[in-house]
Amino acid sequence: MNWWTNWEKQAHGAGENEENLMWEDPEFPADDASLYIDPVKLPEYAQDTPTVEWRRPQEIWHNAEKEERAVMWRDENKLGEVKQGILDDCWLLGAFLAVAVNPSILRNLLVRDGIEYGYAVFKFFKNGEWQYIKIDTQIPYSSTTKQPLYGYCMEA
């Protein structure tokens, strides 16, 4: 069995076989330890941040009225306005936007869309080879602003 087949078996270990069970990244738990160097002493930008909630895209962007659901990829991407969250990271959001408006790049990087099971697999070229990275879909969210904390896109 090659590494990819073994990895795929692990990827399907949660979610697809068990009802309502979403995959969670054991190396990046949905808590403050994943967001801050020292979760006890928050950085200045986070001092006024309300308690961070972690939500899945389905919990944030579901529109039952229009029968729309959260998706990782749309066939007809629209250029939207990127809204910066609590970090001063417009450079990073700009890089994400540059990839998002080039569908062929995004299609090449998104290896597996498992959004309904709580994960996605992306590939990145690093140190001369492709690296496959599995992430869970939990997003730091503010119930006060009703938006993701670190950035989001307002559709045009």
Protein backbone atom coordinates (compact mmCIF):
# COMPACT_ATOMS: atom_id res chain seq x y z
CA MET A 1 0.00 0.00 0.00
CA ASN A 2 1.50 3.35 -1.01
CA TRP A 3 1.51 6.40 1.28
CA TRP A 4 -1.33 8.08 -0.61
CA THR A 5 -3.67 5.09 -0.27
CA ASN A 6 -2.83 4.82 3.42
CA TRP A 7 -3.37 8.55 3.85
CA GLU A 8 -6.74 8.40 2.08
CA LYS A 9 -7.86 5.60 4.43
CA GLN A 10 -6.93 7.80 7.39
CA ALA A 11 -8.67 10.79 5.84
CA HIS A 12 -11.91 8.87 5.68
CA GLY A 13 -11.59 7.64 9.25
CA ALA A 14 -13.95 10.31 10.54
CA GLY A 15 -16.97 11.78 8.91
CA GLU A 16 -17.75 9.63 5.92
CA ASN A 17 -18.48 6.48 7.89
CA GLU A 18 -19.96 7.92 11.05
CA GLU A 19 -22.97 10.20 11.10
CA ASN A 20 -22.32 13.81 12.16
CA LEU A 21 -18.68 13.18 13.02
CA MET A 22 -16.35 15.76 11.50
CA TRP A 23 -12.59 15.32 11.26
CA GLU A 24 -10.52 17.38 13.70
CA ASP A 25 -6.83 18.03 13.28
CA PRO A 26 -5.05 16.60 16.34
CA GLU A 27 -2.03 18.90 15.72
CA PHE A 28 -4.11 22.09 15.46
CA PRO A 29 -6.89 21.85 18.05
CA ALA A 30 -9.79 24.30 17.99
CA ASP A 31 -8.62 26.32 20.99
CA ASP A 32 -6.48 29.32 21.93
CA ALA A 33 -3.27 27.25 21.89
CA SER A 34 -3.55 27.11 18.10
CA LEU A 35 -4.00 30.86 17.78
CA TYR A 36 -1.52 32.39 20.22
CA ILE A 37 2.06 31.70 21.28
CA ASP A 38 0.94 32.03 24.91
CA PRO A 39 -2.81 31.47 25.32
CA VAL A 40 -2.64 32.83 28.87
CA LYS A 41 -1.06 36.14 27.81
CA LEU A 42 -2.93 37.21 24.69
CA PRO A 43 -1.23 39.48 22.15
CA GLU A 44 -2.29 43.12 21.96
CA TYR A 45 -4.45 42.63 18.86
CA ALA A 46 -6.52 40.00 20.69
CA GLN A 47 -7.06 41.89 23.96
CA ASP A 48 -10.50 43.17 22.95
CA THR A 49 -11.48 40.04 21.08
CA PRO A 50 -14.46 38.27 22.56
CA THR A 51 -14.22 34.59 23.32
CA VAL A 52 -13.23 32.78 20.16
CA GLU A 53 -15.74 30.28 18.87
CA TRP A 54 -14.76 27.67 16.31
CA ARG A 55 -17.29 27.00 13.59
CA ARG A 56 -17.43 24.99 10.42
CA PRO A 57 -18.25 26.73 7.13
CA GLN A 58 -21.66 25.02 7.13
CA GLU A 59 -22.45 26.70 10.45
CA ILE A 60 -21.53 30.14 9.13
CA TRP A 61 -22.66 30.29 5.50
CA HIS A 62 -25.81 28.22 5.21
CA ASN A 63 -28.68 29.87 3.36
CA ALA A 64 -31.70 27.58 3.51
CA GLU A 65 -33.87 30.20 1.79
CA LYS A 66 -31.77 30.02 -1.39
CA GLU A 67 -30.93 26.35 -0.86
CA GLU A 68 -27.24 27.28 -0.75
CA ARG A 69 -24.65 25.59 1.37
CA ALA A 70 -21.02 26.23 2.12
CA VAL A 71 -18.67 24.87 -0.52
CA MET A 72 -14.91 24.74 -0.88
CA TRP A 73 -15.03 25.49 -4.59
CA ARG A 74 -17.54 27.07 -6.97
CA ASP A 75 -17.49 26.67 -10.72
CA GLU A 76 -18.37 30.34 -11.15
CA ASN A 77 -16.08 32.21 -8.78
CA LYS A 78 -16.90 35.88 -8.38
CA LEU A 79 -14.31 38.41 -7.42
CA GLY A 80 -15.35 39.61 -3.98
CA GLU A 81 -14.09 42.19 -1.60
CA VAL A 82 -11.73 40.70 0.95
CA LYS A 83 -12.32 41.92 4.48
CA GLN A 84 -9.41 41.90 6.86
CA GLY A 85 -10.07 40.52 10.32
CA ILE A 86 -8.32 41.35 13.62
CA LEU A 87 -4.80 40.71 12.30
CA ASP A 88 -2.73 43.15 10.29
CA ASP A 89 -2.33 40.59 7.51
CA CYS A 90 -3.59 42.22 4.33
CA TRP A 91 -0.50 40.90 2.51
CA LEU A 92 -1.56 37.31 3.25
CA LEU A 93 -5.18 37.92 2.28
CA GLY A 94 -3.95 39.55 -0.93
CA ALA A 95 -1.97 36.40 -1.76
CA PHE A 96 -5.06 34.25 -1.11
CA LEU A 97 -7.10 36.51 -3.38
CA ALA A 98 -4.50 36.24 -6.16
CA VAL A 99 -4.84 32.45 -6.03
CA ALA A 100 -8.63 32.55 -5.77
CA VAL A 101 -9.08 34.61 -8.93
CA ASN A 102 -6.98 32.12 -10.90
CA PRO A 103 -9.18 28.99 -10.93
CA SER A 104 -6.55 26.79 -12.55
CA ILE A 105 -4.12 27.47 -9.68
CA LEU A 106 -6.77 26.79 -7.05
CA ARG A 107 -7.91 23.60 -8.79
CA ASN A 108 -4.30 22.40 -8.83
CA LEU A 109 -3.78 23.12 -5.11
CA LEU A 110 -7.08 21.69 -3.80
CA VAL A 111 -6.50 17.94 -3.93
CA ARG A 112 -9.52 16.72 -1.94
CA ASP A 113 -12.64 18.62 -0.99
CA GLY A 114 -14.00 16.90 2.10
CA ILE A 115 -15.84 19.94 3.45
CA GLU A 116 -18.90 17.86 4.31
CA TYR A 117 -16.63 15.64 6.44
CA GLY A 118 -14.67 18.44 8.08
CA TYR A 119 -11.45 18.51 6.08
CA ALA A 120 -9.71 19.54 2.87
CA VAL A 121 -6.41 18.47 1.36
CA PHE A 122 -4.15 21.01 -0.32
CA LYS A 123 -0.78 20.56 -1.92
CA PHE A 124 2.10 23.03 -1.78
CA PHE A 125 5.48 22.91 -3.49
CA LYS A 126 8.14 23.12 -0.80
CA ASN A 127 11.81 22.15 -0.79
CA GLY A 128 11.63 20.79 -4.32
CA GLU A 129 8.65 18.50 -3.85
CA TRP A 130 4.88 18.55 -3.45
CA GLN A 131 3.70 18.40 0.16
CA TYR A 132 0.13 17.29 0.91
CA ILE A 133 -1.49 19.06 3.83
CA LYS A 134 -4.76 17.97 5.40
CA ILE A 135 -6.60 20.68 7.34
CA ASP A 136 -9.82 20.61 9.24
CA THR A 137 -12.48 23.16 8.36
CA GLN A 138 -12.91 24.78 11.76
CA ILE A 139 -12.66 28.58 11.56
CA PRO A 140 -12.08 31.03 14.45
CA TYR A 141 -15.35 32.98 14.62
CA SER A 142 -16.79 35.96 16.50
CA SER A 143 -20.38 35.64 17.64
CA THR A 144 -20.33 39.41 18.27
CA THR A 145 -19.57 40.43 14.67
CA LYS A 146 -21.04 37.25 13.19
CA GLN A 147 -17.93 36.89 11.01
CA PRO A 148 -14.71 34.86 10.94
CA LEU A 149 -12.06 36.60 13.05
CA TYR A 150 -9.14 36.66 10.63
CA GLY A 151 -10.68 37.50 7.28
CA TYR A 152 -13.51 36.70 4.94
CA CYS A 153 -14.88 37.61 1.55
CA MET A 154 -17.97 39.70 0.95
CA GLU A 155 -19.43 38.54 -2.32
CA ALA A 156 -19.79 41.15 -5.05
